[in-house]
Amino acid sequence: MPCPECGGRVRTITSRLLSDHVREIYFDCVNEDCLCRFVGHLGIVRTLIPRLPPSDNASPPMVERRANDIVMPRTAEVTVPSTSMVPSAPPDHTPVLPALH
């Protein structure tokens, strides 16, 4: 996410949980000519694939998949995300879909 003032890089300072599905995140711009500080929200808005096995706990509503949803197959192994912040194209050179904002 770019700085809303200068478009530069930002870093996360801290965050706090506002509810079961929303986190408030505090950001600092790292551009020494700007140094803007702002707050953003990260929230879970819908469930694409329900939990297995089903749970009685409340969860975000199930909705129809959208054309731009990215759904990865379930795997039994845990994968470690890449340290790169720039997504790379899959081996078949299929374009990477942009994240929803």
PDB file of N, CA and C in Angstrom:
ATOM      1  N   MET A   1       0.850  -1.166   0.000  1.00  0.00           N
ATOM      2  CA  MET A   1       0.000   0.000   0.000  1.00  0.00           C
ATOM      3  C   MET A   1       0.900   1.236   0.000  1.00  0.00           C
ATOM      4  N   PRO A   2       0.684   2.157  -0.926  1.00  0.00           N
ATOM      5  CA  PRO A   2       1.500   3.371  -0.960  1.00  0.00           C
ATOM      6  C   PRO A   2       0.991   4.423   0.027  1.00  0.00           C
ATOM      7  N   CYS A   3       1.854   5.366   0.346  1.00  0.00           N
ATOM      8  CA  CYS A   3       1.486   6.495   1.202  1.00  0.00           C
ATOM      9  C   CYS A   3       0.395   7.308   0.503  1.00  0.00           C
ATOM     10  N   PRO A   4      -0.666   7.695   1.208  1.00  0.00           N
ATOM     11  CA  PRO A   4      -1.732   8.471   0.580  1.00  0.00           C
ATOM     12  C   PRO A   4      -1.321   9.908   0.252  1.00  0.00           C
ATOM     13  N   GLU A   5      -0.218  10.378   0.831  1.00  0.00           N
ATOM     14  CA  GLU A   5       0.235  11.752   0.599  1.00  0.00           C
ATOM     15  C   GLU A   5       1.238  11.849  -0.544  1.00  0.00           C
ATOM     16  N   CYS A   6       2.277  10.982  -0.521  1.00  0.00           N
ATOM     17  CA  CYS A   6       3.360  11.110  -1.517  1.00  0.00           C
ATOM     18  C   CYS A   6       3.461   9.913  -2.453  1.00  0.00           C
ATOM     19  N   GLY A   7       2.750   8.829  -2.148  1.00  0.00           N
ATOM     20  CA  GLY A   7       2.817   7.634  -2.979  1.00  0.00           C
ATOM     21  C   GLY A   7       4.023   6.761  -2.690  1.00  0.00           C
ATOM     22  N   GLY A   8       4.806   7.135  -1.668  1.00  0.00           N
ATOM     23  CA  GLY A   8       6.010   6.390  -1.317  1.00  0.00           C
ATOM     24  C   GLY A   8       5.727   5.136  -0.511  1.00  0.00           C
ATOM     25  N   ARG A   9       6.813   4.438  -0.142  1.00  0.00           N
ATOM     26  CA  ARG A   9       6.711   3.217   0.658  1.00  0.00           C
ATOM     27  C   ARG A   9       6.307   3.556   2.087  1.00  0.00           C
ATOM     28  N   VAL A  10       5.630   2.609   2.716  1.00  0.00           N
ATOM     29  CA  VAL A  10       5.223   2.774   4.110  1.00  0.00           C
ATOM     30  C   VAL A  10       5.654   1.550   4.898  1.00  0.00           C
ATOM     31  N   ARG A  11       5.669   1.691   6.225  1.00  0.00           N
ATOM     32  CA  ARG A  11       5.944   0.547   7.097  1.00  0.00           C
ATOM     33  C   ARG A  11       4.853   0.492   8.154  1.00  0.00           C
ATOM     34  N   THR A  12       4.583  -0.712   8.616  1.00  0.00           N
ATOM     35  CA  THR A  12       3.594  -0.912   9.670  1.00  0.00           C
ATOM     36  C   THR A  12       4.241  -0.615  11.009  1.00  0.00           C
ATOM     37  N   ILE A  13       3.586   0.214  11.820  1.00  0.00           N
ATOM     38  CA  ILE A  13       4.087   0.534  13.152  1.00  0.00           C
ATOM     39  C   ILE A  13       3.523  -0.466  14.148  1.00  0.00           C
ATOM     40  N   THR A  14       2.200  -0.577  14.159  1.00  0.00           N
ATOM     41  CA  THR A  14       1.521  -1.481  15.072  1.00  0.00           C
ATOM     42  C   THR A  14       0.122  -1.726  14.534  1.00  0.00           C
ATOM     43  N   SER A  15      -0.606  -2.587  15.193  1.00  0.00           N
ATOM     44  CA  SER A  15      -1.997  -2.828  14.832  1.00  0.00           C
ATOM     45  C   SER A  15      -2.752  -3.268  16.077  1.00  0.00           C
ATOM     46  N   ARG A  16      -4.058  -3.186  15.977  1.00  0.00           N
ATOM     47  CA  ARG A  16      -4.887  -3.666  17.093  1.00  0.00           C
ATOM     48  C   ARG A  16      -6.156  -4.272  16.536  1.00  0.00           C
ATOM     49  N   LEU A  17      -6.652  -5.274  17.231  1.00  0.00           N
ATOM     50  CA  LEU A  17      -7.859  -5.973  16.833  1.00  0.00           C
ATOM     51  C   LEU A  17      -9.068  -5.146  17.240  1.00  0.00           C
ATOM     52  N   LEU A  18      -9.940  -4.811  16.272  1.00  0.00           N
ATOM     53  CA  LEU A  18     -11.161  -4.060  16.582  1.00  0.00           C
ATOM     54  C   LEU A  18     -12.346  -4.995  16.792  1.00  0.00           C
ATOM     55  N   SER A  19     -12.354  -6.115  16.089  1.00  0.00           N
ATOM     56  CA  SER A  19     -13.409  -7.116  16.241  1.00  0.00           C
ATOM     57  C   SER A  19     -12.844  -8.447  15.763  1.00  0.00           C
ATOM     58  N   ASP A  20     -13.672  -9.485  15.755  1.00  0.00           N
ATOM     59  CA  ASP A  20     -13.209 -10.800  15.310  1.00  0.00           C
ATOM     60  C   ASP A  20     -12.743 -10.783  13.859  1.00  0.00           C
ATOM     61  N   HIS A  21     -13.215  -9.815  13.062  1.00  0.00           N
ATOM     62  CA  HIS A  21     -12.914  -9.813  11.637  1.00  0.00           C
ATOM     63  C   HIS A  21     -12.276  -8.528  11.130  1.00  0.00           C
ATOM     64  N   VAL A  22     -11.927  -7.596  12.025  1.00  0.00           N
ATOM     65  CA  VAL A  22     -11.351  -6.322  11.584  1.00  0.00           C
ATOM     66  C   VAL A  22     -10.134  -5.962  12.436  1.00  0.00           C
ATOM     67  N   ARG A  23      -9.048  -5.577  11.775  1.00  0.00           N
ATOM     68  CA  ARG A  23      -7.825  -5.129  12.442  1.00  0.00           C
ATOM     69  C   ARG A  23      -7.517  -3.723  11.948  1.00  0.00           C
ATOM     70  N   GLU A  24      -7.160  -2.832  12.879  1.00  0.00           N
ATOM     71  CA  GLU A  24      -6.745  -1.471  12.555  1.00  0.00           C
ATOM     72  C   GLU A  24      -5.219  -1.460  12.513  1.00  0.00           C
ATOM     73  N   ILE A  25      -4.634  -0.925  11.422  1.00  0.00           N
ATOM     74  CA  ILE A  25      -3.192  -0.955  11.230  1.00  0.00           C
ATOM     75  C   ILE A  25      -2.664   0.472  11.126  1.00  0.00           C
ATOM     76  N   TYR A  26      -1.606   0.767  11.875  1.00  0.00           N
ATOM     77  CA  TYR A  26      -0.979   2.087  11.872  1.00  0.00           C
ATOM     78  C   TYR A  26       0.257   2.045  10.970  1.00  0.00           C
ATOM     79  N   PHE A  27       0.363   2.990  10.039  1.00  0.00           N
ATOM     80  CA  PHE A  27       1.451   3.034   9.065  1.00  0.00           C
ATOM     81  C   PHE A  27       2.230   4.341   9.186  1.00  0.00           C
ATOM     82  N   ASP A  28       3.528   4.277   8.880  1.00  0.00           N
ATOM     83  CA  ASP A  28       4.399   5.446   8.737  1.00  0.00           C
ATOM     84  C   ASP A  28       4.966   5.443   7.330  1.00  0.00           C
ATOM     85  N   CYS A  29       4.985   6.612   6.677  1.00  0.00           N
ATOM     86  CA  CYS A  29       5.661   6.760   5.399  1.00  0.00           C
ATOM     87  C   CYS A  29       7.155   6.801   5.686  1.00  0.00           C
ATOM     88  N   VAL A  30       7.959   6.101   4.869  1.00  0.00           N
ATOM     89  CA  VAL A  30       9.405   6.083   5.082  1.00  0.00           C
ATOM     90  C   VAL A  30      10.124   7.163   4.273  1.00  0.00           C
ATOM     91  N   ASN A  31       9.391   7.918   3.471  1.00  0.00           N
ATOM     92  CA  ASN A  31       9.970   9.021   2.702  1.00  0.00           C
ATOM     93  C   ASN A  31      10.293  10.155   3.673  1.00  0.00           C
ATOM     94  N   GLU A  32      11.576  10.517   3.802  1.00  0.00           N
ATOM     95  CA  GLU A  32      11.998  11.544   4.765  1.00  0.00           C
ATOM     96  C   GLU A  32      11.436  12.926   4.463  1.00  0.00           C
ATOM     97  N   ASP A  33      10.976  13.163   3.235  1.00  0.00           N
ATOM     98  CA  ASP A  33      10.360  14.441   2.886  1.00  0.00           C
ATOM     99  C   ASP A  33       8.870  14.457   3.198  1.00  0.00           C
ATOM    100  N   CYS A  34       8.310  13.344   3.613  1.00  0.00           N
ATOM    101  CA  CYS A  34       6.869  13.248   3.872  1.00  0.00           C
ATOM    102  C   CYS A  34       6.586  12.903   5.339  1.00  0.00           C
ATOM    103  N   LEU A  35       6.971  11.674   5.744  1.00  0.00           N
ATOM    104  CA  LEU A  35       6.771  11.177   7.113  1.00  0.00           C
ATOM    105  C   LEU A  35       5.314  11.182   7.567  1.00  0.00           C
ATOM    106  N   CYS A  36       4.397  11.001   6.615  1.00  0.00           N
ATOM    107  CA  CYS A  36       2.963  10.913   6.922  1.00  0.00           C
ATOM    108  C   CYS A  36       2.713   9.689   7.812  1.00  0.00           C
ATOM    109  N   ARG A  37       1.761   9.772   8.713  1.00  0.00           N
ATOM    110  CA  ARG A  37       1.313   8.640   9.529  1.00  0.00           C
ATOM    111  C   ARG A  37      -0.185   8.499   9.288  1.00  0.00           C
ATOM    112  N   PHE A  38      -0.640   7.286   9.026  1.00  0.00           N
ATOM    113  CA  PHE A  38      -2.064   7.066   8.764  1.00  0.00           C
ATOM    114  C   PHE A  38      -2.502   5.701   9.277  1.00  0.00           C
ATOM    115  N   VAL A  39      -3.795   5.500   9.300  1.00  0.00           N
ATOM    116  CA  VAL A  39      -4.394   4.276   9.825  1.00  0.00           C
ATOM    117  C   VAL A  39      -5.226   3.636   8.728  1.00  0.00           C
ATOM    118  N   GLY A  40      -5.116   2.322   8.592  1.00  0.00           N
ATOM    119  CA  GLY A  40      -5.928   1.564   7.650  1.00  0.00           C
ATOM    120  C   GLY A  40      -6.633   0.433   8.371  1.00  0.00           C
ATOM    121  N   HIS A  41      -7.600  -0.158   7.701  1.00  0.00           N
ATOM    122  CA  HIS A  41      -8.324  -1.300   8.254  1.00  0.00           C
ATOM    123  C   HIS A  41      -8.139  -2.504   7.352  1.00  0.00           C
ATOM    124  N   LEU A  42      -7.943  -3.648   7.965  1.00  0.00           N
ATOM    125  CA  LEU A  42      -7.901  -4.919   7.264  1.00  0.00           C
ATOM    126  C   LEU A  42      -9.046  -5.740   7.816  1.00  0.00           C
ATOM    127  N   GLY A  43      -9.925  -6.190   6.930  1.00  0.00           N
ATOM    128  CA  GLY A  43     -11.085  -6.932   7.403  1.00  0.00           C
ATOM    129  C   GLY A  43     -11.416  -8.118   6.532  1.00  0.00           C
ATOM    130  N   ILE A  44     -11.998  -9.111   7.147  1.00  0.00           N
ATOM    131  CA  ILE A  44     -12.487 -10.277   6.419  1.00  0.00           C
ATOM    132  C   ILE A  44     -13.910  -9.951   5.995  1.00  0.00           C
ATOM    133  N   VAL A  45     -14.192 -10.049   4.687  1.00  0.00           N
ATOM    134  CA  VAL A  45     -15.502  -9.643   4.194  1.00  0.00           C
ATOM    135  C   VAL A  45     -16.378 -10.797   3.732  1.00  0.00           C
ATOM    136  N   ARG A  46     -15.757 -11.911   3.321  1.00  0.00           N
ATOM    137  CA  ARG A  46     -16.571 -13.043   2.887  1.00  0.00           C
ATOM    138  C   ARG A  46     -15.743 -14.316   2.943  1.00  0.00           C
ATOM    139  N   THR A  47     -16.429 -15.448   2.989  1.00  0.00           N
ATOM    140  CA  THR A  47     -15.789 -16.753   3.002  1.00  0.00           C
ATOM    141  C   THR A  47     -15.936 -17.378   1.624  1.00  0.00           C
ATOM    142  N   LEU A  48     -14.831 -17.830   1.052  1.00  0.00           N
ATOM    143  CA  LEU A  48     -14.881 -18.478  -0.255  1.00  0.00           C
ATOM    144  C   LEU A  48     -15.063 -19.979  -0.138  1.00  0.00           C
ATOM    145  N   ILE A  49     -14.346 -20.578   0.805  1.00  0.00           N
ATOM    146  CA  ILE A  49     -14.446 -22.011   1.047  1.00  0.00           C
ATOM    147  C   ILE A  49     -14.631 -22.185   2.550  1.00  0.00           C
ATOM    148  N   PRO A  50     -15.712 -22.838   2.985  1.00  0.00           N
ATOM    149  CA  PRO A  50     -15.956 -22.971   4.422  1.00  0.00           C
ATOM    150  C   PRO A  50     -14.941 -23.888   5.093  1.00  0.00           C
ATOM    151  N   ARG A  51     -14.869 -23.760   6.392  1.00  0.00           N
ATOM    152  CA  ARG A  51     -13.981 -24.574   7.218  1.00  0.00           C
ATOM    153  C   ARG A  51     -14.369 -26.040   7.124  1.00  0.00           C
ATOM    154  N   LEU A  52     -13.349 -26.893   7.184  1.00  0.00           N
ATOM    155  CA  LEU A  52     -13.587 -28.334   7.234  1.00  0.00           C
ATOM    156  C   LEU A  52     -12.971 -28.858   8.512  1.00  0.00           C
ATOM    157  N   PRO A  53     -13.669 -29.562   9.366  1.00  0.00           N
ATOM    158  CA  PRO A  53     -15.110 -29.799   9.336  1.00  0.00           C
ATOM    159  C   PRO A  53     -15.880 -28.530   9.706  1.00  0.00           C
ATOM    160  N   PRO A  54     -17.171 -28.481   9.354  1.00  0.00           N
ATOM    161  CA  PRO A  54     -17.979 -27.289   9.649  1.00  0.00           C
ATOM    162  C   PRO A  54     -17.953 -26.941  11.138  1.00  0.00           C
ATOM    163  N   SER A  55     -18.068 -25.652  11.415  1.00  0.00           N
ATOM    164  CA  SER A  55     -18.048 -25.153  12.789  1.00  0.00           C
ATOM    165  C   SER A  55     -19.355 -24.450  13.093  1.00  0.00           C
ATOM    166  N   ASP A  56     -19.745 -24.453  14.371  1.00  0.00           N
ATOM    167  CA  ASP A  56     -20.946 -23.735  14.789  1.00  0.00           C
ATOM    168  C   ASP A  56     -20.652 -22.267  15.070  1.00  0.00           C
ATOM    169  N   ASN A  57     -19.357 -21.886  15.127  1.00  0.00           N
ATOM    170  CA  ASN A  57     -18.989 -20.496  15.405  1.00  0.00           C
ATOM    171  C   ASN A  57     -19.399 -19.591  14.260  1.00  0.00           C
ATOM    172  N   ALA A  58     -19.654 -18.335  14.596  1.00  0.00           N
ATOM    173  CA  ALA A  58     -20.006 -17.358  13.571  1.00  0.00           C
ATOM    174  C   ALA A  58     -18.830 -17.144  12.637  1.00  0.00           C
ATOM    175  N   SER A  59     -19.114 -16.973  11.379  1.00  0.00           N
ATOM    176  CA  SER A  59     -18.077 -16.686  10.390  1.00  0.00           C
ATOM    177  C   SER A  59     -18.645 -15.707   9.374  1.00  0.00           C
ATOM    178  N   PRO A  60     -17.791 -15.087   8.557  1.00  0.00           N
ATOM    179  CA  PRO A  60     -18.307 -14.184   7.532  1.00  0.00           C
ATOM    180  C   PRO A  60     -19.270 -14.936   6.616  1.00  0.00           C
ATOM    181  N   PRO A  61     -20.196 -14.251   6.002  1.00  0.00           N
ATOM    182  CA  PRO A  61     -21.197 -14.938   5.187  1.00  0.00           C
ATOM    183  C   PRO A  61     -20.579 -15.600   3.954  1.00  0.00           C
ATOM    184  N   MET A  62     -21.153 -16.734   3.564  1.00  0.00           N
ATOM    185  CA  MET A  62     -20.768 -17.378   2.310  1.00  0.00           C
ATOM    186  C   MET A  62     -21.473 -16.609   1.209  1.00  0.00           C
ATOM    187  N   VAL A  63     -20.767 -16.297   0.165  1.00  0.00           N
ATOM    188  CA  VAL A  63     -21.363 -15.600  -0.970  1.00  0.00           C
ATOM    189  C   VAL A  63     -20.921 -16.296  -2.245  1.00  0.00           C
ATOM    190  N   GLU A  64     -21.605 -15.990  -3.339  1.00  0.00           N
ATOM    191  CA  GLU A  64     -21.198 -16.535  -4.622  1.00  0.00           C
ATOM    192  C   GLU A  64     -19.820 -16.019  -4.965  1.00  0.00           C
ATOM    193  N   ARG A  65     -19.021 -16.857  -5.564  1.00  0.00           N
ATOM    194  CA  ARG A  65     -17.688 -16.416  -5.976  1.00  0.00           C
ATOM    195  C   ARG A  65     -17.806 -15.355  -7.049  1.00  0.00           C
ATOM    196  N   ARG A  66     -16.894 -14.402  -6.991  1.00  0.00           N
ATOM    197  CA  ARG A  66     -16.840 -13.341  -7.989  1.00  0.00           C
ATOM    198  C   ARG A  66     -15.833 -13.724  -9.060  1.00  0.00           C
ATOM    199  N   ALA A  67     -15.939 -13.129 -10.221  1.00  0.00           N
ATOM    200  CA  ALA A  67     -15.052 -13.454 -11.333  1.00  0.00           C
ATOM    201  C   ALA A  67     -13.588 -13.192 -10.985  1.00  0.00           C
ATOM    202  N   ASN A  68     -13.317 -12.210 -10.116  1.00  0.00           N
ATOM    203  CA  ASN A  68     -11.918 -11.882  -9.800  1.00  0.00           C
ATOM    204  C   ASN A  68     -11.433 -12.505  -8.497  1.00  0.00           C
ATOM    205  N   ASP A  69     -12.207 -13.426  -7.880  1.00  0.00           N
ATOM    206  CA  ASP A  69     -11.738 -14.128  -6.689  1.00  0.00           C
ATOM    207  C   ASP A  69     -10.592 -15.059  -7.064  1.00  0.00           C
ATOM    208  N   ILE A  70      -9.587 -15.108  -6.219  1.00  0.00           N
ATOM    209  CA  ILE A  70      -8.468 -16.020  -6.419  1.00  0.00           C
ATOM    210  C   ILE A  70      -8.628 -17.128  -5.392  1.00  0.00           C
ATOM    211  N   VAL A  71      -8.880 -18.326  -5.849  1.00  0.00           N
ATOM    212  CA  VAL A  71      -9.097 -19.460  -4.951  1.00  0.00           C
ATOM    213  C   VAL A  71      -8.010 -20.486  -5.211  1.00  0.00           C
ATOM    214  N   MET A  72      -7.224 -20.742  -4.186  1.00  0.00           N
ATOM    215  CA  MET A  72      -6.145 -21.715  -4.291  1.00  0.00           C
ATOM    216  C   MET A  72      -6.653 -23.060  -3.781  1.00  0.00           C
ATOM    217  N   PRO A  73      -6.178 -24.162  -4.352  1.00  0.00           N
ATOM    218  CA  PRO A  73      -6.602 -25.474  -3.853  1.00  0.00           C
ATOM    219  C   PRO A  73      -6.084 -25.693  -2.441  1.00  0.00           C
ATOM    220  N   ARG A  74      -6.847 -26.450  -1.665  1.00  0.00           N
ATOM    221  CA  ARG A  74      -6.423 -26.780  -0.309  1.00  0.00           C
ATOM    222  C   ARG A  74      -5.296 -27.786  -0.363  1.00  0.00           C
ATOM    223  N   THR A  75      -4.349 -27.619   0.553  1.00  0.00           N
ATOM    224  CA  THR A  75      -3.268 -28.583   0.663  1.00  0.00           C
ATOM    225  C   THR A  75      -3.081 -28.916   2.130  1.00  0.00           C
ATOM    226  N   ALA A  76      -2.515 -30.079   2.383  1.00  0.00           N
ATOM    227  CA  ALA A  76      -2.287 -30.497   3.759  1.00  0.00           C
ATOM    228  C   ALA A  76      -1.039 -29.848   4.333  1.00  0.00           C
ATOM    229  N   GLU A  77      -0.122 -29.409   3.463  1.00  0.00           N
ATOM    230  CA  GLU A  77       1.114 -28.820   3.955  1.00  0.00           C
ATOM    231  C   GLU A  77       0.983 -27.307   4.078  1.00  0.00           C
ATOM    232  N   VAL A  78       1.754 -26.754   4.987  1.00  0.00           N
ATOM    233  CA  VAL A  78       1.776 -25.315   5.187  1.00  0.00           C
ATOM    234  C   VAL A  78       2.874 -24.747   4.312  1.00  0.00           C
ATOM    235  N   THR A  79       2.563 -23.677   3.587  1.00  0.00           N
ATOM    236  CA  THR A  79       3.578 -23.062   2.748  1.00  0.00           C
ATOM    237  C   THR A  79       4.013 -21.748   3.374  1.00  0.00           C
ATOM    238  N   VAL A  80       5.278 -21.412   3.206  1.00  0.00           N
ATOM    239  CA  VAL A  80       5.822 -20.164   3.724  1.00  0.00           C
ATOM    240  C   VAL A  80       5.763 -19.145   2.607  1.00  0.00           C
ATOM    241  N   PRO A  81       5.136 -17.962   2.848  1.00  0.00           N
ATOM    242  CA  PRO A  81       5.043 -16.969   1.786  1.00  0.00           C
ATOM    243  C   PRO A  81       6.423 -16.455   1.395  1.00  0.00           C
ATOM    244  N   SER A  82       6.526 -16.046   0.150  1.00  0.00           N
ATOM    245  CA  SER A  82       7.771 -15.482  -0.360  1.00  0.00           C
ATOM    246  C   SER A  82       8.055 -14.172   0.346  1.00  0.00           C
ATOM    247  N   THR A  83       9.339 -13.837   0.489  1.00  0.00           N
ATOM    248  CA  THR A  83       9.689 -12.569   1.114  1.00  0.00           C
ATOM    249  C   THR A  83       9.550 -11.418   0.141  1.00  0.00           C
ATOM    250  N   SER A  84       9.358 -11.713  -1.127  1.00  0.00           N
ATOM    251  CA  SER A  84       9.203 -10.660  -2.130  1.00  0.00           C
ATOM    252  C   SER A  84       7.815 -10.039  -2.022  1.00  0.00           C
ATOM    253  N   MET A  85       7.743  -8.741  -2.152  1.00  0.00           N
ATOM    254  CA  MET A  85       6.456  -8.042  -2.093  1.00  0.00           C
ATOM    255  C   MET A  85       5.820  -7.935  -3.476  1.00  0.00           C
ATOM    256  N   VAL A  86       6.534  -8.321  -4.528  1.00  0.00           N
ATOM    257  CA  VAL A  86       6.023  -8.229  -5.889  1.00  0.00           C
ATOM    258  C   VAL A  86       5.639  -9.621  -6.344  1.00  0.00           C
ATOM    259  N   PRO A  87       4.348  -9.839  -6.716  1.00  0.00           N
ATOM    260  CA  PRO A  87       3.953 -11.171  -7.159  1.00  0.00           C
ATOM    261  C   PRO A  87       4.612 -11.499  -8.497  1.00  0.00           C
ATOM    262  N   SER A  88       4.999 -12.758  -8.659  1.00  0.00           N
ATOM    263  CA  SER A  88       5.579 -13.172  -9.929  1.00  0.00           C
ATOM    264  C   SER A  88       4.530 -13.933 -10.720  1.00  0.00           C
ATOM    265  N   ALA A  89       4.720 -13.971 -12.023  1.00  0.00           N
ATOM    266  CA  ALA A  89       3.775 -14.676 -12.879  1.00  0.00           C
ATOM    267  C   ALA A  89       3.956 -16.175 -12.692  1.00  0.00           C
ATOM    268  N   PRO A  90       2.854 -16.944 -12.718  1.00  0.00           N
ATOM    269  CA  PRO A  90       2.956 -18.398 -12.627  1.00  0.00           C
ATOM    270  C   PRO A  90       3.762 -18.934 -13.812  1.00  0.00           C
ATOM    271  N   PRO A  91       4.263 -20.183 -13.718  1.00  0.00           N
ATOM    272  CA  PRO A  91       5.096 -20.734 -14.776  1.00  0.00           C
ATOM    273  C   PRO A  91       4.457 -20.710 -16.154  1.00  0.00           C
ATOM    274  N   ASP A  92       3.116 -20.821 -16.246  1.00  0.00           N
ATOM    275  CA  ASP A  92       2.474 -20.818 -17.560  1.00  0.00           C
ATOM    276  C   ASP A  92       2.258 -19.397 -18.092  1.00  0.00           C
ATOM    277  N   HIS A  93       2.788 -18.399 -17.399  1.00  0.00           N
ATOM    278  CA  HIS A  93       2.709 -16.984 -17.781  1.00  0.00           C
ATOM    279  C   HIS A  93       1.283 -16.439 -17.784  1.00  0.00           C
ATOM    280  N   THR A  94       0.405 -17.061 -17.000  1.00  0.00           N
ATOM    281  CA  THR A  94      -0.939 -16.525 -16.816  1.00  0.00           C
ATOM    282  C   THR A  94      -0.809 -15.242 -16.011  1.00  0.00           C
ATOM    283  N   PRO A  95      -1.487 -14.162 -16.412  1.00  0.00           N
ATOM    284  CA  PRO A  95      -1.337 -12.898 -15.649  1.00  0.00           C
ATOM    285  C   PRO A  95      -1.821 -13.060 -14.222  1.00  0.00           C
ATOM    286  N   VAL A  96      -1.142 -12.405 -13.291  1.00  0.00           N
ATOM    287  CA  VAL A  96      -1.517 -12.411 -11.885  1.00  0.00           C
ATOM    288  C   VAL A  96      -2.613 -11.375 -11.692  1.00  0.00           C
ATOM    289  N   LEU A  97      -3.723 -11.775 -11.080  1.00  0.00           N
ATOM    290  CA  LEU A  97      -4.822 -10.844 -10.849  1.00  0.00           C
ATOM    291  C   LEU A  97      -4.471  -9.871  -9.732  1.00  0.00           C
ATOM    292  N   PRO A  98      -4.860  -8.608  -9.847  1.00  0.00           N
ATOM    293  CA  PRO A  98      -4.573  -7.647  -8.773  1.00  0.00           C
ATOM    294  C   PRO A  98      -5.425  -7.929  -7.558  1.00  0.00           C
ATOM    295  N   ALA A  99      -4.911  -7.550  -6.391  1.00  0.00           N
ATOM    296  CA  ALA A  99      -5.654  -7.715  -5.147  1.00  0.00           C
ATOM    297  C   ALA A  99      -6.806  -6.726  -5.103  1.00  0.00           C
ATOM    298  N   LEU A 100      -7.874  -7.102  -4.410  1.00  0.00           N
ATOM    299  CA  LEU A 100      -9.013  -6.201  -4.232  1.00  0.00           C
ATOM    300  C   LEU A 100      -8.696  -5.197  -3.146  1.00  0.00           C
ATOM    301  N   HIS A 101      -9.146  -3.984  -3.303  1.00  0.00           N
ATOM    302  CA  HIS A 101      -8.913  -2.949  -2.293  1.00  0.00           C
ATOM    303  C   HIS A 101     -10.200  -2.560  -1.653  1.00  0.00           C
TER     304      HIS A 101
END
